């Protein structure tokens, strides 16, 4: 996590990044209720919760592309350390 992901999610290299999933790293100590509330506020659904760090993989609830979310600036929030496209695994 925390790669040098582009800020413009409409121009993602599909060989390097997913166009359907994002990685969200929450601030240390962010309770699960706050994480779930963040997902609701931004129209996201979790697909995987990491257990050792406060992070998860998420998809748009409407199954649309992540580019429609508006990029990291649109998803900025005090409880979020960073958000980026998930890296593709070949």
N, C-alpha and C. Protein backbone atom coordinates (compact mmCIF):
# COMPACT_ATOMS: atom_id res chain seq x y z
N UNK A 1 0.84 -1.18 0.00
CA UNK A 1 0.00 0.00 0.00
C UNK A 1 0.89 1.25 0.00
N UNK A 2 0.31 2.36 -0.30
CA UNK A 2 0.96 3.66 -0.44
C UNK A 2 1.98 3.62 -1.56
N UNK A 3 1.51 3.40 -2.73
CA UNK A 3 2.35 3.49 -3.93
C UNK A 3 2.22 4.92 -4.46
N UNK A 4 2.95 5.22 -5.49
CA UNK A 4 2.86 6.54 -6.11
C UNK A 4 1.72 6.52 -7.13
N UNK A 5 0.52 6.36 -6.65
CA UNK A 5 -0.65 6.26 -7.52
C UNK A 5 -1.01 7.63 -8.09
N UNK A 6 -1.45 7.66 -9.35
CA UNK A 6 -1.83 8.94 -9.95
C UNK A 6 -3.07 9.53 -9.29
N UNK A 7 -3.14 10.84 -9.24
CA UNK A 7 -4.29 11.52 -8.65
C UNK A 7 -5.49 11.50 -9.60
N UNK A 8 -5.23 11.42 -10.91
CA UNK A 8 -6.30 11.37 -11.90
C UNK A 8 -6.67 9.92 -12.17
N UNK A 9 -7.76 9.48 -11.58
CA UNK A 9 -8.16 8.08 -11.70
C UNK A 9 -8.82 7.75 -13.03
N UNK A 10 -9.01 8.73 -13.89
CA UNK A 10 -9.57 8.45 -15.22
C UNK A 10 -8.48 7.96 -16.16
N UNK A 11 -7.21 8.11 -15.79
CA UNK A 11 -6.08 7.75 -16.65
C UNK A 11 -5.23 6.62 -16.05
N UNK A 12 -5.84 5.70 -15.34
CA UNK A 12 -5.08 4.63 -14.69
C UNK A 12 -4.56 3.61 -15.69
N UNK A 13 -3.35 3.15 -15.45
CA UNK A 13 -2.77 2.06 -16.22
C UNK A 13 -3.35 0.76 -15.67
N UNK A 14 -4.18 0.09 -16.46
CA UNK A 14 -4.87 -1.11 -16.00
C UNK A 14 -3.90 -2.24 -15.66
N UNK A 15 -2.70 -2.21 -16.19
CA UNK A 15 -1.71 -3.23 -15.84
C UNK A 15 -1.17 -3.02 -14.43
N UNK A 16 -1.28 -1.80 -13.92
CA UNK A 16 -0.75 -1.49 -12.59
C UNK A 16 -1.81 -1.29 -11.52
N UNK A 17 -2.98 -0.78 -11.92
CA UNK A 17 -4.02 -0.42 -10.95
C UNK A 17 -5.38 -0.97 -11.34
N UNK A 18 -6.17 -1.28 -10.33
CA UNK A 18 -7.56 -1.69 -10.54
C UNK A 18 -8.40 -0.46 -10.85
N UNK A 19 -9.34 -0.59 -11.75
CA UNK A 19 -10.29 0.49 -12.01
C UNK A 19 -11.59 0.27 -11.25
N UNK A 20 -11.61 -0.79 -10.42
CA UNK A 20 -12.83 -1.15 -9.69
C UNK A 20 -12.69 -1.14 -8.18
N UNK A 21 -11.46 -1.14 -7.65
CA UNK A 21 -11.26 -1.21 -6.20
C UNK A 21 -10.27 -0.15 -5.73
N UNK A 22 -10.51 0.33 -4.52
CA UNK A 22 -9.58 1.28 -3.91
C UNK A 22 -9.10 0.74 -2.56
N UNK A 23 -7.91 1.16 -2.18
CA UNK A 23 -7.35 0.87 -0.86
C UNK A 23 -7.59 2.09 0.01
N UNK A 24 -8.12 1.89 1.18
CA UNK A 24 -8.34 2.98 2.12
C UNK A 24 -7.61 2.65 3.42
N UNK A 25 -6.69 3.51 3.80
CA UNK A 25 -5.95 3.35 5.06
C UNK A 25 -6.47 4.42 6.01
N UNK A 26 -7.06 3.97 7.10
CA UNK A 26 -7.60 4.88 8.09
C UNK A 26 -6.53 5.27 9.11
N UNK A 27 -6.75 6.39 9.78
CA UNK A 27 -5.85 6.81 10.85
C UNK A 27 -5.86 5.73 11.95
N UNK A 28 -4.71 5.53 12.57
CA UNK A 28 -4.64 4.58 13.68
C UNK A 28 -5.68 4.97 14.73
N UNK A 29 -6.35 3.97 15.27
CA UNK A 29 -7.35 4.21 16.30
C UNK A 29 -8.74 4.50 15.79
N UNK A 30 -8.93 4.54 14.47
CA UNK A 30 -10.27 4.80 13.92
C UNK A 30 -11.14 3.57 14.16
N UNK A 31 -12.22 3.72 14.94
CA UNK A 31 -13.07 2.56 15.23
C UNK A 31 -13.82 2.06 13.98
N UNK A 32 -14.19 0.81 14.01
CA UNK A 32 -14.90 0.19 12.88
C UNK A 32 -16.17 0.96 12.54
N UNK A 33 -16.87 1.49 13.53
CA UNK A 33 -18.10 2.24 13.25
C UNK A 33 -17.81 3.47 12.38
N UNK A 34 -16.68 4.14 12.64
CA UNK A 34 -16.29 5.30 11.82
C UNK A 34 -15.90 4.87 10.42
N UNK A 35 -15.22 3.75 10.30
CA UNK A 35 -14.83 3.25 8.97
C UNK A 35 -16.06 2.93 8.13
N UNK A 36 -17.02 2.26 8.75
CA UNK A 36 -18.25 1.91 8.03
C UNK A 36 -19.06 3.15 7.67
N UNK A 37 -19.07 4.14 8.55
CA UNK A 37 -19.77 5.39 8.27
C UNK A 37 -19.11 6.11 7.09
N UNK A 38 -17.78 6.07 7.03
CA UNK A 38 -17.06 6.67 5.90
C UNK A 38 -17.50 6.00 4.59
N UNK A 39 -17.56 4.68 4.59
CA UNK A 39 -18.00 3.96 3.38
C UNK A 39 -19.39 4.41 2.97
N UNK A 40 -20.30 4.50 3.92
CA UNK A 40 -21.67 4.93 3.63
C UNK A 40 -21.70 6.34 3.05
N UNK A 41 -20.94 7.25 3.64
CA UNK A 41 -20.91 8.64 3.17
C UNK A 41 -20.44 8.76 1.73
N UNK A 42 -19.58 7.85 1.31
CA UNK A 42 -18.99 7.95 -0.02
C UNK A 42 -19.52 6.91 -1.00
N UNK A 43 -20.58 6.22 -0.64
CA UNK A 43 -21.19 5.25 -1.56
C UNK A 43 -20.29 4.07 -1.89
N UNK A 44 -19.60 3.56 -0.86
CA UNK A 44 -18.67 2.45 -1.05
C UNK A 44 -19.12 1.24 -0.27
N UNK A 45 -18.63 0.07 -0.68
CA UNK A 45 -18.86 -1.16 0.09
C UNK A 45 -17.52 -1.86 0.25
N UNK A 46 -17.28 -2.39 1.42
CA UNK A 46 -16.02 -3.08 1.70
C UNK A 46 -16.03 -4.45 1.04
N UNK A 47 -14.88 -4.83 0.47
CA UNK A 47 -14.73 -6.18 -0.08
C UNK A 47 -13.69 -6.98 0.69
N UNK A 48 -12.84 -6.28 1.47
CA UNK A 48 -11.85 -6.96 2.30
C UNK A 48 -11.40 -6.01 3.42
N UNK A 49 -11.38 -6.53 4.64
CA UNK A 49 -10.89 -5.77 5.80
C UNK A 49 -9.54 -6.35 6.21
N UNK A 50 -8.51 -5.51 6.27
CA UNK A 50 -7.23 -5.96 6.80
C UNK A 50 -7.36 -6.09 8.31
N UNK A 51 -6.65 -7.03 8.89
CA UNK A 51 -6.78 -7.26 10.33
C UNK A 51 -5.67 -6.62 11.15
N UNK A 52 -4.49 -6.44 10.60
CA UNK A 52 -3.36 -5.90 11.38
C UNK A 52 -3.22 -4.39 11.29
N UNK A 53 -3.83 -3.80 10.29
CA UNK A 53 -3.80 -2.34 10.13
C UNK A 53 -5.22 -1.87 9.86
N UNK A 54 -5.54 -0.61 10.21
CA UNK A 54 -6.89 -0.09 9.96
C UNK A 54 -7.05 0.29 8.48
N UNK A 55 -7.26 -0.71 7.65
CA UNK A 55 -7.38 -0.48 6.20
C UNK A 55 -8.35 -1.49 5.61
N UNK A 56 -8.80 -1.17 4.40
CA UNK A 56 -9.70 -2.08 3.69
C UNK A 56 -9.63 -1.83 2.20
N UNK A 57 -10.15 -2.79 1.44
CA UNK A 57 -10.39 -2.63 0.02
C UNK A 57 -11.87 -2.38 -0.15
N UNK A 58 -12.20 -1.46 -1.04
CA UNK A 58 -13.61 -1.13 -1.24
C UNK A 58 -13.90 -0.94 -2.72
N UNK A 59 -15.17 -1.07 -3.04
CA UNK A 59 -15.69 -0.83 -4.39
C UNK A 59 -16.86 0.14 -4.29
N UNK A 60 -17.13 0.87 -5.37
CA UNK A 60 -18.34 1.68 -5.37
C UNK A 60 -19.57 0.77 -5.18
N UNK A 61 -20.50 1.19 -4.36
CA UNK A 61 -21.68 0.38 -4.08
C UNK A 61 -22.51 0.14 -5.33
N UNK A 62 -22.44 1.07 -6.29
CA UNK A 62 -23.22 0.90 -7.52
C UNK A 62 -22.46 0.12 -8.59
N UNK A 63 -21.30 -0.44 -8.23
CA UNK A 63 -20.46 -1.23 -9.13
C UNK A 63 -19.89 -0.43 -10.30
N UNK A 64 -19.88 0.88 -10.19
CA UNK A 64 -19.30 1.71 -11.23
C UNK A 64 -17.79 1.77 -11.11
N UNK A 65 -17.14 2.46 -12.04
CA UNK A 65 -15.68 2.59 -11.98
C UNK A 65 -15.27 3.56 -10.87
N UNK A 66 -14.07 3.36 -10.33
CA UNK A 66 -13.61 4.24 -9.25
C UNK A 66 -13.38 5.66 -9.75
N UNK A 67 -13.17 5.85 -11.04
CA UNK A 67 -12.96 7.20 -11.59
C UNK A 67 -14.16 8.09 -11.28
N UNK A 68 -15.35 7.50 -11.20
CA UNK A 68 -16.57 8.27 -10.92
C UNK A 68 -16.59 8.81 -9.49
N UNK A 69 -15.72 8.30 -8.61
CA UNK A 69 -15.67 8.76 -7.22
C UNK A 69 -15.00 10.12 -7.09
N UNK A 70 -14.24 10.53 -8.09
CA UNK A 70 -13.63 11.85 -8.07
C UNK A 70 -12.18 11.90 -7.61
N UNK A 71 -11.58 10.77 -7.31
CA UNK A 71 -10.17 10.75 -6.93
C UNK A 71 -9.94 11.02 -5.46
N UNK A 72 -8.68 11.04 -5.05
CA UNK A 72 -8.34 11.15 -3.62
C UNK A 72 -8.81 12.43 -2.96
N UNK A 73 -8.83 13.53 -3.69
CA UNK A 73 -9.28 14.79 -3.07
C UNK A 73 -10.75 14.72 -2.68
N UNK A 74 -11.57 14.09 -3.51
CA UNK A 74 -13.01 13.96 -3.22
C UNK A 74 -13.28 13.02 -2.06
N UNK A 75 -12.35 12.10 -1.80
CA UNK A 75 -12.54 11.11 -0.73
C UNK A 75 -11.77 11.45 0.54
N UNK A 76 -11.15 12.63 0.56
CA UNK A 76 -10.39 13.05 1.75
C UNK A 76 -11.32 13.18 2.95
N UNK A 77 -10.81 12.81 4.10
CA UNK A 77 -11.61 12.83 5.33
C UNK A 77 -10.63 12.79 6.50
N UNK A 78 -10.98 13.41 7.63
CA UNK A 78 -10.08 13.39 8.78
C UNK A 78 -9.73 11.99 9.30
N UNK A 79 -10.59 11.00 9.07
CA UNK A 79 -10.31 9.64 9.56
C UNK A 79 -9.45 8.84 8.60
N UNK A 80 -9.15 9.38 7.41
CA UNK A 80 -8.42 8.66 6.37
C UNK A 80 -6.97 9.15 6.29
N UNK A 81 -6.04 8.20 6.34
CA UNK A 81 -4.63 8.52 6.15
C UNK A 81 -4.34 8.69 4.66
N UNK A 82 -4.86 7.78 3.84
CA UNK A 82 -4.75 7.90 2.39
C UNK A 82 -5.76 6.98 1.72
N UNK A 83 -6.03 7.28 0.47
CA UNK A 83 -6.88 6.46 -0.38
C UNK A 83 -6.24 6.43 -1.77
N UNK A 84 -6.22 5.26 -2.38
CA UNK A 84 -5.60 5.12 -3.69
C UNK A 84 -6.22 3.94 -4.42
N UNK A 85 -6.06 3.88 -5.74
CA UNK A 85 -6.52 2.70 -6.46
C UNK A 85 -5.76 1.47 -5.97
N UNK A 86 -6.45 0.35 -5.90
CA UNK A 86 -5.78 -0.90 -5.52
C UNK A 86 -4.82 -1.27 -6.64
N UNK A 87 -3.69 -1.82 -6.25
CA UNK A 87 -2.74 -2.26 -7.26
C UNK A 87 -3.21 -3.57 -7.88
N UNK A 88 -2.98 -3.72 -9.18
CA UNK A 88 -3.37 -4.93 -9.89
C UNK A 88 -2.38 -6.04 -9.58
N UNK A 89 -2.89 -7.22 -9.46
CA UNK A 89 -2.05 -8.39 -9.24
C UNK A 89 -2.23 -9.28 -10.44
N UNK A 90 -1.15 -9.49 -11.16
CA UNK A 90 -1.21 -10.30 -12.38
C UNK A 90 -1.07 -11.76 -12.08
